[in-house]
Amino acid sequence: MSDIFEFISKFSEDLPAEAAKGEEALWEYLARRGAGIVNCHAASFFEADDVKKRLTFKKSIGPVGGDLVGLSFGYQGVVGFCAESRKPILVNDTENSPLFTKKVDKGSGFQTKTVIAVPAIANGELLGVIEFINSIAGQFSEEDLKAAEVLTALTARDVYIKRLEATIKQLNLKGESTINNLSGGFIGADMEGKVIFFNPKACEIFEVGQEYINRPVMELFQLCPDVVGAIGDVLKRNKTVRRQEFRCKVNGKEKVIGYSSINIKGVDGKVIGAGIIFQDITNL
């Protein structure tokens, strides 16, 4: 048992390096290193589409692994039952197991004798199923099954984190692009009072560059005290306004600024800052 713990510990230590390479590398790592830890001849990872109830070979380590990648099929056999039930399965006698189907063996010429199948689940979402095939010792043990479960859970967690990171990055890029292309000015600060948005139109209206980004919002006082007041009201008092005006001197010219203030919310709906949307209405 101590050897298994050591293997799992090393597996966990090396996960961040694989995660840096992306999701595909993580699943391949699970199949490759997992096969070594549970001591078997072959391993395959199937990506799950739980809506359509279909599994697709994504990674396969073994004699006929390369021939199987990309093949899709409906939930069936040991891996299908594993996906449907979301429970790990150990079969040490495929010949007499009602769960096992010989379709893949017939097509590939490979003979499956023993199987461990484990669902890869993260945050309640079924990502896929990992299958370890043909124990070198002749039969898989309960210890092998437990090890496979831990390895799969660790990998699924890191894959889920990678997907979240990618989603947040896309949303941030989309949000930043939207803000930068607003017809009006936008200045935003986080909950600590640091300027996180100062879009091109804001630079144009106040005739400055990007020097205020990542600076304390109080430094905007020299630019225009009313901007600081409007953002401060939202941050400190949760007070937002719509269609208000203030006057501000910009390089010696007095401008009339029409503005609204808002809470800035994250992808989870939580307030993460405050912002002011404004236009130069001096000549209107």
Protein backbone atom coordinates (compact mmCIF):
# COMPACT_ATOMS: atom_id res chain seq x y z
CA MET A 1 0.00 0.00 0.00
CA SER A 2 2.84 2.40 0.85
CA ASP A 3 4.19 2.07 -2.71
CA ILE A 4 0.80 3.04 -4.13
CA PHE A 5 0.69 6.13 -1.90
CA GLU A 6 4.17 7.11 -3.08
CA PHE A 7 3.15 6.68 -6.72
CA ILE A 8 -0.01 8.75 -6.21
CA SER A 9 1.98 11.45 -4.41
CA LYS A 10 4.46 11.66 -7.30
CA PHE A 11 1.57 11.67 -9.78
CA SER A 12 0.06 14.64 -7.94
CA GLU A 13 3.39 16.49 -7.78
CA ASP A 14 3.83 16.24 -11.56
CA LEU A 15 0.25 17.27 -12.40
CA PRO A 16 0.90 21.06 -12.56
CA ALA A 17 3.54 20.58 -15.26
CA GLU A 18 1.06 18.56 -17.34
CA ALA A 19 -1.74 21.07 -16.65
CA ALA A 20 0.45 23.82 -18.11
CA LYS A 21 0.38 21.91 -21.43
CA GLY A 22 -3.42 21.83 -21.52
CA GLU A 23 -6.39 19.48 -21.16
CA GLU A 24 -5.26 16.94 -23.77
CA ALA A 25 -1.94 16.49 -21.99
CA LEU A 26 -3.73 15.87 -18.68
CA TRP A 27 -5.86 13.04 -20.05
CA GLU A 28 -2.85 11.48 -21.75
CA TYR A 29 -0.92 11.75 -18.50
CA LEU A 30 -3.74 10.00 -16.63
CA ALA A 31 -3.80 7.14 -19.14
CA ARG A 32 -0.02 6.77 -19.39
CA ARG A 33 1.03 7.22 -15.76
CA GLY A 34 -2.16 5.65 -14.45
CA ALA A 35 -1.50 2.46 -16.42
CA GLY A 36 1.90 2.24 -14.76
CA ILE A 37 0.54 2.81 -11.27
CA VAL A 38 -2.31 0.27 -11.50
CA ASN A 39 0.10 -2.05 -13.35
CA CYS A 40 -1.78 -2.87 -16.55
CA HIS A 41 -1.11 -3.38 -20.26
CA ALA A 42 -3.39 -0.70 -21.73
CA ALA A 43 -5.53 2.33 -20.87
CA SER A 44 -8.05 4.50 -22.68
CA PHE A 45 -9.77 7.78 -21.87
CA PHE A 46 -13.24 8.37 -23.29
CA GLU A 47 -14.69 11.88 -23.46
CA ALA A 48 -18.36 11.88 -22.43
CA ASP A 49 -21.29 13.71 -23.96
CA ASP A 50 -23.79 13.12 -21.17
CA VAL A 51 -26.63 14.77 -23.10
CA LYS A 52 -26.30 12.59 -26.20
CA LYS A 53 -25.12 9.62 -24.08
CA ARG A 54 -22.05 9.11 -26.25
CA LEU A 55 -18.41 8.32 -25.51
CA THR A 56 -15.45 9.17 -27.75
CA PHE A 57 -11.96 7.64 -27.59
CA LYS A 58 -9.67 10.60 -26.82
CA LYS A 59 -6.52 8.93 -25.55
CA SER A 60 -5.48 5.32 -25.76
CA ILE A 61 -2.28 3.71 -24.50
CA GLY A 62 -1.60 0.14 -25.61
CA PRO A 63 -1.07 -2.20 -28.56
CA VAL A 64 -3.97 -0.91 -30.68
CA GLY A 65 -4.41 2.49 -29.03
CA GLY A 66 -3.69 4.64 -32.09
CA ASP A 67 -6.36 2.87 -34.15
CA LEU A 68 -9.13 3.71 -31.67
CA VAL A 69 -8.72 7.47 -31.17
CA GLY A 70 -11.70 9.39 -32.54
CA LEU A 71 -14.10 6.44 -32.49
CA SER A 72 -17.50 7.32 -30.92
CA PHE A 73 -20.30 5.10 -29.67
CA GLY A 74 -23.39 5.25 -27.48
CA TYR A 75 -23.21 4.30 -23.82
CA GLN A 76 -22.58 0.55 -23.77
CA GLY A 77 -20.29 -2.02 -22.24
CA VAL A 78 -18.32 -1.47 -19.03
CA VAL A 79 -17.41 2.16 -19.82
CA GLY A 80 -20.98 2.93 -20.84
CA PHE A 81 -22.35 1.50 -17.60
CA CYS A 82 -19.68 3.45 -15.70
CA ALA A 83 -20.72 6.69 -17.42
CA GLU A 84 -24.43 6.02 -16.87
CA SER A 85 -24.10 5.05 -13.22
CA ARG A 86 -21.20 7.44 -12.48
CA LYS A 87 -19.66 4.71 -10.35
CA PRO A 88 -16.26 2.97 -10.64
CA ILE A 89 -16.32 -0.63 -11.87
CA LEU A 90 -13.87 -3.52 -11.52
CA VAL A 91 -14.30 -6.57 -13.75
CA ASN A 92 -11.78 -9.41 -13.41
CA ASP A 93 -13.58 -11.85 -15.71
CA THR A 94 -14.88 -10.13 -18.84
CA GLU A 95 -15.86 -13.49 -20.38
CA ASN A 96 -18.63 -13.96 -17.83
CA SER A 97 -19.53 -10.31 -17.13
CA PRO A 98 -22.92 -9.10 -18.41
CA LEU A 99 -21.46 -5.56 -18.54
CA PHE A 100 -18.73 -6.37 -21.05
CA THR A 101 -19.24 -6.10 -24.79
CA LYS A 102 -16.78 -7.68 -27.26
CA LYS A 103 -17.48 -5.23 -30.10
CA VAL A 104 -14.26 -3.25 -29.72
CA ASP A 105 -12.18 -6.40 -29.19
CA LYS A 106 -13.58 -7.93 -32.38
CA GLY A 107 -12.85 -4.80 -34.36
CA SER A 108 -9.33 -4.30 -33.00
CA GLY A 109 -8.13 -7.86 -32.49
CA PHE A 110 -7.27 -7.01 -28.87
CA GLN A 111 -8.42 -9.34 -26.09
CA THR A 112 -9.72 -7.68 -22.94
CA LYS A 113 -9.61 -9.91 -19.87
CA THR A 114 -9.74 -7.54 -16.88
CA VAL A 115 -11.03 -3.97 -16.64
CA ILE A 116 -11.19 -1.03 -14.26
CA ALA A 117 -13.46 1.84 -15.36
CA VAL A 118 -13.66 5.10 -13.39
CA PRO A 119 -15.84 8.15 -14.14
CA ALA A 120 -13.97 11.45 -14.35
CA ILE A 121 -16.26 13.87 -12.50
CA ALA A 122 -15.62 17.45 -11.42
CA ASN A 123 -18.12 19.82 -9.82
CA GLY A 124 -20.88 17.32 -10.57
CA GLU A 125 -20.08 17.25 -14.30
CA LEU A 126 -19.15 13.99 -16.06
CA LEU A 127 -16.08 14.78 -18.15
CA GLY A 128 -15.40 11.23 -19.30
CA VAL A 129 -14.36 7.72 -18.30
CA ILE A 130 -10.88 6.26 -17.87
CA GLU A 131 -10.47 2.53 -18.54
CA PHE A 132 -7.50 0.46 -17.41
CA ILE A 133 -7.20 -2.88 -19.19
CA ASN A 134 -5.53 -6.24 -18.49
CA SER A 135 -3.73 -6.31 -15.17
CA ILE A 136 -0.13 -7.49 -15.49
CA ALA A 137 -0.62 -9.37 -12.20
CA GLY A 138 -3.52 -11.29 -13.78
CA GLN A 139 -6.28 -9.61 -11.79
CA PHE A 140 -6.94 -6.10 -10.52
CA SER A 141 -7.20 -5.60 -6.76
CA GLU A 142 -9.42 -3.29 -4.73
CA GLU A 143 -6.24 -1.31 -4.04
CA ASP A 144 -5.79 -0.82 -7.80
CA LEU A 145 -9.38 0.40 -8.05
CA LYS A 146 -8.93 2.91 -5.21
CA ALA A 147 -5.70 4.18 -6.75
CA ALA A 148 -7.44 4.62 -10.12
CA GLU A 149 -10.22 6.60 -8.43
CA VAL A 150 -7.78 8.98 -6.73
CA LEU A 151 -5.72 9.52 -9.91
CA THR A 152 -8.87 10.20 -11.93
CA ALA A 153 -10.29 12.63 -9.36
CA LEU A 154 -7.02 14.59 -9.25
CA THR A 155 -6.86 14.81 -13.05
CA ALA A 156 -10.54 15.70 -13.47
CA ARG A 157 -10.13 18.51 -10.94
CA ASP A 158 -7.22 20.01 -12.91
CA VAL A 159 -9.04 19.64 -16.24
CA TYR A 160 -12.07 21.42 -14.78
CA ILE A 161 -9.83 24.23 -13.49
CA LYS A 162 -8.25 24.57 -16.95
CA ARG A 163 -11.71 24.86 -18.51
CA LEU A 164 -12.76 27.49 -15.97
CA GLU A 165 -9.59 29.47 -16.59
CA ALA A 166 -10.18 29.37 -20.35
CA THR A 167 -13.81 30.48 -19.93
CA ILE A 168 -12.88 33.34 -17.61
CA LYS A 169 -10.12 34.45 -19.98
CA GLN A 170 -12.58 34.49 -22.90
CA LEU A 171 -15.13 36.44 -20.88
CA ASN A 172 -12.48 38.91 -19.74
CA LEU A 173 -11.25 39.42 -23.30
CA LYS A 174 -14.81 39.84 -24.52
CA GLY A 175 -15.60 42.28 -21.71
CA GLU A 176 -12.40 44.25 -22.27
CA SER A 177 -13.09 44.45 -26.00
CA THR A 178 -16.65 45.66 -25.34
CA ILE A 179 -15.43 48.31 -22.88
CA ASN A 180 -12.69 49.50 -25.23
CA ASN A 181 -15.20 49.88 -28.07
CA LEU A 182 -17.82 51.84 -26.11
CA SER A 183 -18.84 55.11 -27.73
CA GLY A 184 -18.54 56.75 -24.31
CA GLY A 185 -15.82 56.90 -21.69
CA PHE A 186 -15.55 54.20 -19.03
CA ILE A 187 -13.43 54.22 -15.90
CA GLY A 188 -13.63 51.31 -13.46
CA ALA A 189 -12.03 50.40 -10.15
CA ASP A 190 -11.86 47.15 -8.17
CA MET A 191 -13.08 46.75 -4.58
CA GLU A 192 -9.68 47.88 -3.27
CA GLY A 193 -9.99 51.17 -5.14
CA LYS A 194 -7.47 50.37 -7.89
CA VAL A 195 -8.22 51.58 -11.43
CA ILE A 196 -8.73 48.52 -13.64
CA PHE A 197 -10.46 50.12 -16.65
CA PHE A 198 -9.70 53.38 -18.45
CA ASN A 199 -10.94 52.97 -21.98
CA PRO A 200 -9.71 54.84 -25.09
CA LYS A 201 -12.73 57.18 -25.12
CA ALA A 202 -12.02 58.16 -21.49
CA CYS A 203 -8.43 58.95 -22.51
CA GLU A 204 -9.76 61.09 -25.36
CA ILE A 205 -12.24 63.03 -23.20
CA PHE A 206 -9.74 63.75 -20.42
CA GLU A 207 -6.83 64.13 -22.86
CA VAL A 208 -4.55 61.64 -21.08
CA GLY A 209 -2.92 58.30 -21.79
CA GLN A 210 -3.10 55.01 -19.88
CA GLU A 211 -1.08 56.24 -16.90
CA TYR A 212 -3.94 55.81 -14.41
CA ILE A 213 -4.38 52.05 -14.99
CA ASN A 214 -3.43 50.04 -11.86
CA ARG A 215 -3.14 53.25 -9.85
CA PRO A 216 -5.26 54.16 -6.77
CA VAL A 217 -8.56 55.74 -7.77
CA MET A 218 -7.74 58.71 -5.49
CA GLU A 219 -5.07 59.76 -8.00
CA LEU A 220 -7.92 60.60 -10.38
CA PHE A 221 -8.66 63.56 -8.08
CA GLN A 222 -6.09 65.66 -9.95
CA LEU A 223 -7.83 64.70 -13.18
CA CYS A 224 -11.40 65.33 -12.04
CA PRO A 225 -12.63 65.24 -8.41
CA ASP A 226 -16.18 64.31 -9.46
CA VAL A 227 -14.96 61.05 -11.02
CA VAL A 228 -13.45 60.03 -7.69
CA GLY A 229 -16.66 61.02 -5.88
CA ALA A 230 -18.90 59.05 -8.25
CA ILE A 231 -16.80 55.87 -8.04
CA GLY A 232 -16.33 56.29 -4.28
CA ASP A 233 -20.10 56.53 -3.73
CA VAL A 234 -20.56 53.16 -5.39
CA LEU A 235 -17.67 51.46 -3.59
CA LYS A 236 -18.34 52.83 -0.11
CA ARG A 237 -22.10 53.43 -0.07
CA ASN A 238 -23.34 51.24 -2.94
CA LYS A 239 -24.94 54.39 -4.35
CA THR A 240 -25.32 54.43 -8.13
CA VAL A 241 -26.76 57.26 -10.22
CA ARG A 242 -28.18 57.61 -13.71
CA ARG A 243 -27.91 60.55 -16.08
CA GLN A 244 -26.19 63.05 -13.82
CA GLU A 245 -23.80 65.84 -14.84
CA PHE A 246 -20.68 67.50 -13.52
CA ARG A 247 -18.25 70.13 -14.81
CA CYS A 248 -14.56 69.47 -15.09
CA LYS A 249 -11.56 71.46 -16.32
CA VAL A 250 -9.45 69.56 -18.84
CA ASN A 251 -6.22 71.29 -19.79
CA GLY A 252 -7.78 74.65 -19.03
CA LYS A 253 -11.03 73.92 -20.91
CA GLU A 254 -14.24 73.47 -18.98
CA LYS A 255 -16.19 70.42 -20.05
CA VAL A 256 -19.67 69.27 -19.13
CA ILE A 257 -19.70 65.53 -18.48
CA GLY A 258 -22.89 63.47 -18.48
CA TYR A 259 -22.49 60.24 -16.55
CA SER A 260 -24.01 57.18 -14.88
CA SER A 261 -22.32 55.04 -12.21
CA ILE A 262 -22.61 51.26 -11.91
CA ASN A 263 -21.52 48.20 -9.96
CA ILE A 264 -19.11 45.99 -11.88
CA LYS A 265 -20.04 42.31 -11.52
CA GLY A 266 -18.00 39.17 -12.14
CA VAL A 267 -19.08 36.07 -14.07
CA ASP A 268 -20.66 34.68 -10.89
CA GLY A 269 -22.79 37.80 -10.37
CA LYS A 270 -20.81 39.07 -7.40
CA VAL A 271 -19.87 42.76 -7.24
CA ILE A 272 -16.14 43.12 -7.98
CA GLY A 273 -15.87 46.89 -8.40
CA ALA A 274 -17.44 50.17 -9.48
CA GLY A 275 -17.47 52.12 -12.71
CA ILE A 276 -18.55 55.34 -14.32
CA ILE A 277 -19.85 55.60 -17.91
CA PHE A 278 -19.72 59.11 -19.32
CA GLN A 279 -19.78 61.39 -22.36
CA ASP A 280 -18.60 64.89 -23.14
CA ILE A 281 -21.86 66.85 -23.58
CA THR A 282 -20.27 70.32 -23.55
CA ASN A 283 -21.53 71.21 -27.02
CA LEU A 284 -24.92 69.51 -26.85
